[in-house]
């Protein structure tokens, strides 16, 4: 029995997908990487059909074992199992020759051979350059966020000092007039900073139909209206660390790609949270991206489009399309010059369908 257990562990060490629930997770990572898509925990769970708990367990295990690496927070890549890299140097010599040394191997390359080698390795060079640039940008962004949080803490300390000074002055003026909101004068809003280290978000529970407030979102998320990037202010999960980009890409690789952010078991559209964070209110209608790129959540690119009161109509350029949903299918009723004409066509078709099939579910 002990021998079989040891053999099983050895097999798992050589083939990580043999671990319980490992094969679909491993195959999902391979598939995402082969398609050139970013392998986040949410994307892996969606592709593999496994729960996030199973995915997190496998990712943690494989990172520790050296099968995966994290080039960026929340992003995973396969680690190719090769021998340790040998030192590589290139030395230019007279006559246009280049001396290429790889470990104990030494080659003299003519200019034409150097150009041929460069063309063969250009893909690796671009990949390394892009990855390094992404890492540098993330490090710079994290440093900026760290400095910003330090400035906030310094400002909060200063404001607390001002509030304490105000309390002492007021107490000296009148012992019978306690300093409190609505109990002895107007309080200075600048003297009431957000509590440092507020962990109230851990107790949030959003029931069906409930949504977080702007104050709640601002407690756990930062939003840059210029770049449109949402980042975590709190360590909300093992992979959602403070300072790291929030959310995952849904429908990655398609024109419908958009950001989805998970918070306390609920999922919210990234552009809705960006609008809420900036304006303090949930959008009254739908959010339209002006440039058509649903991943660009810069505030200047977001437009709150009011809901059309004329049901069954939608604007297309200078005209209006009428359509009706019936029996799981969308019926397109044509293009019209005005919204009223399109709405009238919608109502006429709806009445016609109801009259011809009284026992069928009503169209909508």
Protein backbone atom coordinates (compact mmCIF):
# COMPACT_ATOMS: atom_id res chain seq x y z
CA UNK A 1 0.00 0.00 0.00
CA UNK A 2 2.84 2.38 0.93
CA UNK A 3 4.63 1.54 -2.33
CA UNK A 4 1.51 2.38 -4.37
CA UNK A 5 1.10 5.68 -2.49
CA UNK A 6 4.73 6.63 -3.17
CA UNK A 7 4.33 5.72 -6.85
CA UNK A 8 1.14 7.81 -7.07
CA UNK A 9 2.91 10.84 -5.60
CA UNK A 10 5.79 10.40 -8.04
CA UNK A 11 3.34 10.28 -10.96
CA UNK A 12 1.64 13.45 -9.72
CA UNK A 13 5.01 15.18 -9.53
CA UNK A 14 5.73 14.29 -13.18
CA UNK A 15 2.19 14.87 -14.47
CA UNK A 16 0.36 17.57 -12.46
CA UNK A 17 -2.95 16.94 -14.26
CA UNK A 18 -3.27 13.59 -12.42
CA UNK A 19 -4.13 15.42 -9.19
CA UNK A 20 -7.87 15.32 -8.31
CA UNK A 21 -9.70 17.68 -10.66
CA UNK A 22 -6.41 18.59 -12.30
CA UNK A 23 -6.89 17.49 -15.92
CA UNK A 24 -9.71 19.91 -16.91
CA UNK A 25 -7.94 22.81 -15.17
CA UNK A 26 -4.61 21.97 -16.84
CA UNK A 27 -6.28 21.56 -20.26
CA UNK A 28 -8.02 24.93 -19.82
CA UNK A 29 -4.68 26.67 -19.18
CA UNK A 30 -3.14 24.98 -22.22
CA UNK A 31 -6.12 25.96 -24.40
CA UNK A 32 -6.13 29.60 -23.25
CA UNK A 33 -2.39 29.93 -23.77
CA UNK A 34 -2.61 28.31 -27.23
CA UNK A 35 -5.27 30.86 -28.25
CA UNK A 36 -3.15 33.74 -26.99
CA UNK A 37 -5.68 34.60 -24.26
CA UNK A 38 -4.90 35.68 -20.71
CA UNK A 39 -5.26 32.78 -18.26
CA UNK A 40 -6.87 34.32 -15.17
CA UNK A 41 -8.54 32.20 -12.48
CA UNK A 42 -11.98 33.27 -13.72
CA UNK A 43 -11.12 32.46 -17.35
CA UNK A 44 -9.70 29.08 -16.31
CA UNK A 45 -12.82 28.27 -14.27
CA UNK A 46 -15.09 29.29 -17.16
CA UNK A 47 -13.14 27.22 -19.70
CA UNK A 48 -12.73 24.12 -17.50
CA UNK A 49 -16.18 24.13 -15.91
CA UNK A 50 -14.59 23.69 -12.45
CA UNK A 51 -15.41 25.73 -9.37
CA UNK A 52 -13.16 28.61 -8.36
CA UNK A 53 -12.23 26.68 -5.20
CA UNK A 54 -10.92 23.74 -7.26
CA UNK A 55 -9.13 26.09 -9.66
CA UNK A 56 -7.50 28.03 -6.79
CA UNK A 57 -6.31 24.81 -5.13
CA UNK A 58 -4.72 23.53 -8.35
CA UNK A 59 -3.15 26.89 -9.24
CA UNK A 60 -1.62 27.28 -5.79
CA UNK A 61 -0.29 23.70 -5.89
CA UNK A 62 1.22 24.04 -9.38
CA UNK A 63 2.81 27.43 -8.70
CA UNK A 64 4.49 26.00 -5.59
CA UNK A 65 5.65 22.95 -7.60
CA UNK A 66 7.08 25.11 -10.39
CA UNK A 67 4.65 24.05 -13.14
CA UNK A 68 3.11 27.54 -13.40
CA UNK A 69 4.40 31.06 -12.98
CA UNK A 70 2.69 34.40 -12.41
CA UNK A 71 4.13 37.04 -14.79
CA UNK A 72 1.55 39.48 -13.41
CA UNK A 73 -0.78 39.34 -10.37
CA UNK A 74 -3.74 37.10 -11.19
CA UNK A 75 -2.24 35.87 -14.50
CA UNK A 76 -0.82 32.36 -14.91
CA UNK A 77 1.48 30.81 -17.52
CA UNK A 78 2.83 27.30 -18.06
CA UNK A 79 6.48 26.80 -17.18
CA UNK A 80 8.23 24.71 -19.82
CA UNK A 81 10.35 22.03 -18.16
CA UNK A 82 13.87 22.50 -19.55
CA UNK A 83 17.40 22.11 -18.11
CA UNK A 84 18.87 25.21 -16.42
CA UNK A 85 19.61 27.97 -18.93
CA UNK A 86 23.21 28.24 -20.12
CA UNK A 87 24.91 31.66 -20.19
CA UNK A 88 24.58 33.39 -23.57
CA UNK A 89 26.87 36.18 -24.81
CA UNK A 90 27.34 37.92 -28.16
CA UNK A 91 30.59 39.73 -28.96
CA UNK A 92 31.12 41.84 -32.08
CA UNK A 93 34.55 41.41 -33.70
CA UNK A 94 36.27 42.95 -36.69
CA UNK A 95 34.94 42.36 -40.17
CA UNK A 96 31.29 42.35 -39.12
CA UNK A 97 31.54 38.94 -37.45
CA UNK A 98 29.74 38.16 -34.19
CA UNK A 99 30.95 35.57 -31.71
CA UNK A 100 27.94 33.77 -30.18
CA UNK A 101 28.71 31.80 -27.02
CA UNK A 102 26.11 29.48 -25.45
CA UNK A 103 27.67 27.65 -22.53
CA UNK A 104 30.66 25.75 -23.94
CA UNK A 105 29.44 26.16 -27.54
CA UNK A 106 30.99 28.96 -29.62
CA UNK A 107 29.87 30.06 -33.11
CA UNK A 108 31.15 32.74 -35.48
CA UNK A 109 28.23 34.39 -37.26
CA UNK A 110 28.50 36.38 -40.49
CA UNK A 111 26.25 39.47 -40.86
CA UNK A 112 23.77 37.59 -43.07
CA UNK A 113 23.59 34.75 -40.53
CA UNK A 114 22.98 37.26 -37.73
CA UNK A 115 20.06 38.74 -39.66
CA UNK A 116 18.62 35.28 -40.32
CA UNK A 117 18.90 34.39 -36.62
CA UNK A 118 17.30 37.70 -35.64
CA UNK A 119 14.33 37.07 -37.95
CA UNK A 120 13.84 33.62 -36.40
CA UNK A 121 13.91 34.98 -32.84
CA UNK A 122 11.92 38.18 -33.41
CA UNK A 123 8.77 36.60 -31.92
CA UNK A 124 10.58 35.67 -28.71
CA UNK A 125 12.12 39.14 -28.55
CA UNK A 126 8.74 40.86 -28.90
CA UNK A 127 7.17 38.55 -26.31
CA UNK A 128 9.97 39.29 -23.84
CA UNK A 129 9.76 43.03 -24.54
CA UNK A 130 5.96 43.15 -24.11
CA UNK A 131 6.07 41.07 -20.94
CA UNK A 132 8.85 43.21 -19.48
CA UNK A 133 6.95 46.38 -20.39
CA UNK A 134 3.79 45.03 -18.72
CA UNK A 135 5.74 44.14 -15.59
CA UNK A 136 7.42 47.56 -15.52
CA UNK A 137 4.07 49.32 -15.95
CA UNK A 138 2.49 47.23 -13.21
CA UNK A 139 5.41 47.92 -10.85
CA UNK A 140 5.21 51.64 -11.61
CA UNK A 141 1.43 51.65 -11.14
CA UNK A 142 1.75 49.76 -7.83
CA UNK A 143 4.37 52.27 -6.64
CA UNK A 144 2.07 55.18 -7.55
CA UNK A 145 -0.85 53.55 -5.73
CA UNK A 146 1.35 52.92 -2.69
CA UNK A 147 2.41 56.58 -2.61
CA UNK A 148 -1.22 57.63 -2.99
CA UNK A 149 -2.31 55.49 -0.04
CA UNK A 150 0.58 56.86 2.03
CA UNK A 151 -0.56 60.40 1.20
CA UNK A 152 -4.11 59.49 2.22
CA UNK A 153 -2.89 58.13 5.56
CA UNK A 154 -0.83 61.29 6.15
CA UNK A 155 -3.83 63.48 5.31
CA UNK A 156 -6.09 61.40 7.58
CA UNK A 157 -3.63 61.79 10.47
CA UNK A 158 -3.51 65.54 9.91
CA UNK A 159 -7.30 65.79 9.79
CA UNK A 160 -7.63 63.79 13.00
CA UNK A 161 -5.26 66.27 14.64
CA UNK A 162 -7.39 69.17 13.42
CA UNK A 163 -10.52 67.50 14.76
CA UNK A 164 -8.92 66.91 18.17
CA UNK A 165 -7.80 70.56 18.27
CA UNK A 166 -11.34 71.71 17.42
CA UNK A 167 -12.73 69.54 20.23
CA UNK A 168 -10.32 71.05 22.75
CA UNK A 169 -11.19 74.62 21.69
CA UNK A 170 -14.92 73.92 21.82
CA UNK A 171 -14.62 72.21 25.20
CA UNK A 172 -12.76 75.18 26.60
CA UNK A 173 -15.50 77.52 25.37
CA UNK A 174 -18.38 75.55 26.85
CA UNK A 175 -18.37 72.31 28.83
CA UNK A 176 -22.14 71.96 28.36
CA UNK A 177 -22.09 71.97 24.56
CA UNK A 178 -20.66 68.63 23.38
CA UNK A 179 -19.14 68.60 19.92
CA UNK A 180 -21.18 66.24 17.75
CA UNK A 181 -23.10 66.29 14.56
CA UNK A 182 -26.46 67.93 15.11
CA UNK A 183 -25.76 68.33 18.82
CA UNK A 184 -23.90 71.60 19.09
CA UNK A 185 -23.15 73.20 15.74
CA UNK A 186 -22.18 72.14 12.28
CA UNK A 187 -19.31 69.69 12.01
CA UNK A 188 -16.55 70.29 9.48
CA UNK A 189 -16.89 67.54 6.86
CA UNK A 190 -13.13 67.72 6.29
CA UNK A 191 -12.62 66.54 9.87
CA UNK A 192 -14.39 63.23 9.32
CA UNK A 193 -12.06 61.10 7.16
CA UNK A 194 -12.80 57.52 6.24
CA UNK A 195 -11.55 55.18 9.00
CA UNK A 196 -8.15 53.72 8.21
CA UNK A 197 -8.20 49.95 7.81
CA UNK A 198 -12.00 49.76 7.45
CA UNK A 199 -12.86 46.07 7.01
CA UNK A 200 -16.65 46.45 7.07
CA UNK A 201 -16.76 45.06 3.50
CA UNK A 202 -16.12 41.57 4.89
CA UNK A 203 -19.65 41.54 6.30
CA UNK A 204 -21.40 42.71 3.14
CA UNK A 205 -24.15 40.45 1.79
CA UNK A 206 -25.90 41.47 -1.43
CA UNK A 207 -29.28 39.81 -1.77
CA UNK A 208 -31.02 39.28 -5.09
CA UNK A 209 -31.60 42.65 -6.73
CA UNK A 210 -29.36 44.53 -4.28
CA UNK A 211 -26.36 46.52 -5.46
CA UNK A 212 -23.47 48.17 -3.61
CA UNK A 213 -23.49 51.91 -3.02
CA UNK A 214 -20.88 54.33 -4.32
CA UNK A 215 -19.41 54.58 -0.81
CA UNK A 216 -19.02 50.80 -0.64
CA UNK A 217 -17.37 50.63 -4.07
CA UNK A 218 -14.99 53.47 -3.22
CA UNK A 219 -13.98 51.62 -0.06
CA UNK A 220 -12.71 48.55 -1.93
CA UNK A 221 -11.89 49.91 -5.41
CA UNK A 222 -9.86 52.72 -6.93
CA UNK A 223 -10.80 54.06 -10.36
CA UNK A 224 -8.62 56.08 -12.72
CA UNK A 225 -11.05 58.04 -14.95
CA UNK A 226 -8.25 58.78 -17.44
CA UNK A 227 -7.18 55.19 -18.10
CA UNK A 228 -10.42 53.50 -17.03
CA UNK A 229 -8.52 51.02 -14.84
CA UNK A 230 -10.17 49.64 -11.68
CA UNK A 231 -7.79 48.40 -8.96
CA UNK A 232 -8.38 46.81 -5.58
CA UNK A 233 -7.83 48.87 -2.43
CA UNK A 234 -8.34 45.83 -0.20
CA UNK A 235 -7.15 42.23 -0.24
CA UNK A 236 -10.57 40.87 -1.18
CA UNK A 237 -9.42 37.38 -2.23
CA UNK A 238 -6.25 35.28 -2.60
CA UNK A 239 -5.83 36.63 -6.14
CA UNK A 240 -7.48 40.03 -5.65
CA UNK A 241 -4.70 41.84 -3.83
CA UNK A 242 -4.53 45.53 -2.99
CA UNK A 243 -3.03 47.45 -5.90
CA UNK A 244 -3.75 44.73 -8.49
CA UNK A 245 -6.18 45.21 -11.42
CA UNK A 246 -9.76 44.25 -10.53
CA UNK A 247 -12.01 41.88 -12.46
CA UNK A 248 -11.61 39.50 -15.38
CA UNK A 249 -12.35 39.69 -19.09
CA UNK A 250 -15.62 38.11 -20.19
CA UNK A 251 -15.99 36.93 -23.81
CA UNK A 252 -12.23 37.40 -24.23
CA UNK A 253 -10.98 37.60 -27.79
CA UNK A 254 -14.29 38.79 -29.25
CA UNK A 255 -15.81 42.18 -30.03
CA UNK A 256 -18.03 41.73 -26.97
CA UNK A 257 -15.09 41.53 -24.54
CA UNK A 258 -15.84 43.46 -21.37
CA UNK A 259 -14.68 43.67 -17.76
CA UNK A 260 -16.58 41.82 -15.01
CA UNK A 261 -15.76 42.41 -11.33
CA UNK A 262 -16.72 39.91 -8.62
CA UNK A 263 -17.50 41.26 -5.15
CA UNK A 264 -18.85 39.21 -2.22
CA UNK A 265 -20.28 36.49 -4.45
CA UNK A 266 -21.90 38.86 -6.97
CA UNK A 267 -20.65 39.94 -10.39
CA UNK A 268 -20.94 43.49 -11.75
CA UNK A 269 -20.04 45.05 -15.10
CA UNK A 270 -16.80 47.01 -14.92
CA UNK A 271 -18.18 50.01 -16.84
CA UNK A 272 -21.15 50.22 -14.44
CA UNK A 273 -18.80 50.29 -11.44
CA UNK A 274 -16.63 52.92 -13.15
CA UNK A 275 -19.71 55.12 -13.68
CA UNK A 276 -20.86 54.57 -10.08
CA UNK A 277 -17.38 55.31 -8.69
CA UNK A 278 -17.09 58.58 -10.64
CA UNK A 279 -20.64 59.96 -10.42
CA UNK A 280 -21.87 58.40 -7.17
CA UNK A 281 -24.95 56.94 -8.90
CA UNK A 282 -25.75 53.79 -10.86
CA UNK A 283 -26.41 54.53 -14.55
CA UNK A 284 -30.08 55.21 -15.24
CA UNK A 285 -29.91 53.56 -18.65
CA UNK A 286 -27.27 51.49 -20.37
CA UNK A 287 -23.63 52.50 -20.72
CA UNK A 288 -22.40 52.97 -24.29
CA UNK A 289 -18.68 52.99 -25.12
CA UNK A 290 -18.16 55.87 -27.54
CA UNK A 291 -15.26 54.21 -29.39
CA UNK A 292 -16.96 50.79 -29.53
CA UNK A 293 -14.26 49.20 -27.34
CA UNK A 294 -16.04 47.78 -24.30
CA UNK A 295 -12.70 47.28 -22.53
CA UNK A 296 -11.99 51.04 -22.63
CA UNK A 297 -13.66 52.26 -19.43
CA UNK A 298 -12.08 55.73 -19.41
CA UNK A 299 -14.81 58.07 -18.16
CA UNK A 300 -14.61 60.21 -21.31
CA UNK A 301 -15.47 57.05 -23.30
CA UNK A 302 -18.61 56.24 -21.28
CA UNK A 303 -22.06 57.55 -22.15
CA UNK A 304 -25.21 56.92 -20.12
CA UNK A 305 -27.84 56.21 -22.78
CA UNK A 306 -31.39 56.61 -21.50
CA UNK A 307 -33.69 53.61 -21.89
CA UNK A 308 -35.99 53.89 -24.87
CA UNK A 309 -39.60 54.36 -23.67
CA UNK A 310 -40.88 52.97 -26.98
CA UNK A 311 -40.63 49.22 -26.42
CA UNK A 312 -39.46 47.14 -29.37
CA UNK A 313 -37.50 49.93 -31.06
CA UNK A 314 -33.82 50.71 -31.31
CA UNK A 315 -32.01 53.54 -33.03
CA UNK A 316 -29.67 52.58 -35.89
CA UNK A 317 -27.98 55.69 -37.27
CA UNK A 318 -30.73 58.05 -38.42
CA UNK A 319 -33.40 55.34 -38.58
CA UNK A 320 -35.11 52.95 -36.17
CA UNK A 321 -35.39 49.17 -36.22
CA UNK A 322 -38.44 47.32 -34.87
CA UNK A 323 -38.10 43.83 -33.44
CA UNK A 324 -40.04 41.45 -31.22
CA UNK A 325 -38.95 38.49 -29.10
CA UNK A 326 -41.25 35.44 -29.44
CA UNK A 327 -40.75 31.71 -28.74
CA UNK A 328 -37.06 32.15 -28.09
CA UNK A 329 -36.43 33.96 -31.38
CA UNK A 330 -35.99 37.60 -32.32
CA UNK A 331 -38.31 38.73 -35.14
CA UNK A 332 -36.96 41.70 -37.09
CA UNK A 333 -39.86 43.80 -38.37
CA UNK A 334 -37.96 46.29 -40.52
CA UNK A 335 -36.39 49.75 -40.52
CA UNK A 336 -38.44 52.95 -40.09
CA UNK A 337 -37.83 56.67 -40.31
CA UNK A 338 -39.22 57.44 -36.84
CA UNK A 339 -39.33 55.66 -33.49
CA UNK A 340 -43.12 56.01 -33.45
CA UNK A 341 -43.48 54.12 -36.75
CA UNK A 342 -41.20 51.34 -35.50
CA UNK A 343 -43.15 51.10 -32.24
CA UNK A 344 -46.46 50.94 -34.17
CA UNK A 345 -45.09 48.03 -36.25
CA UNK A 346 -44.03 46.29 -33.04
CA UNK A 347 -47.51 46.68 -31.48
CA UNK A 348 -49.28 45.50 -34.67
CA UNK A 349 -47.13 42.36 -34.95
CA UNK A 350 -47.54 41.62 -31.24
CA UNK A 351 -51.34 41.90 -31.50
CA UNK A 352 -51.33 39.70 -34.61
CA UNK A 353 -49.34 36.95 -32.91
CA UNK A 354 -51.53 37.05 -29.81
CA UNK A 355 -54.69 36.77 -31.91
CA UNK A 356 -53.40 33.81 -33.94
CA UNK A 357 -52.10 31.86 -30.95
CA UNK A 358 -54.18 32.54 -27.87
CA UNK A 359 -52.75 29.54 -26.06
CA UNK A 360 -49.13 30.44 -26.75
CA UNK A 361 -47.02 32.54 -24.38
CA UNK A 362 -47.43 36.23 -25.09
CA UNK A 363 -44.65 37.84 -27.16
CA UNK A 364 -42.59 40.59 -25.54
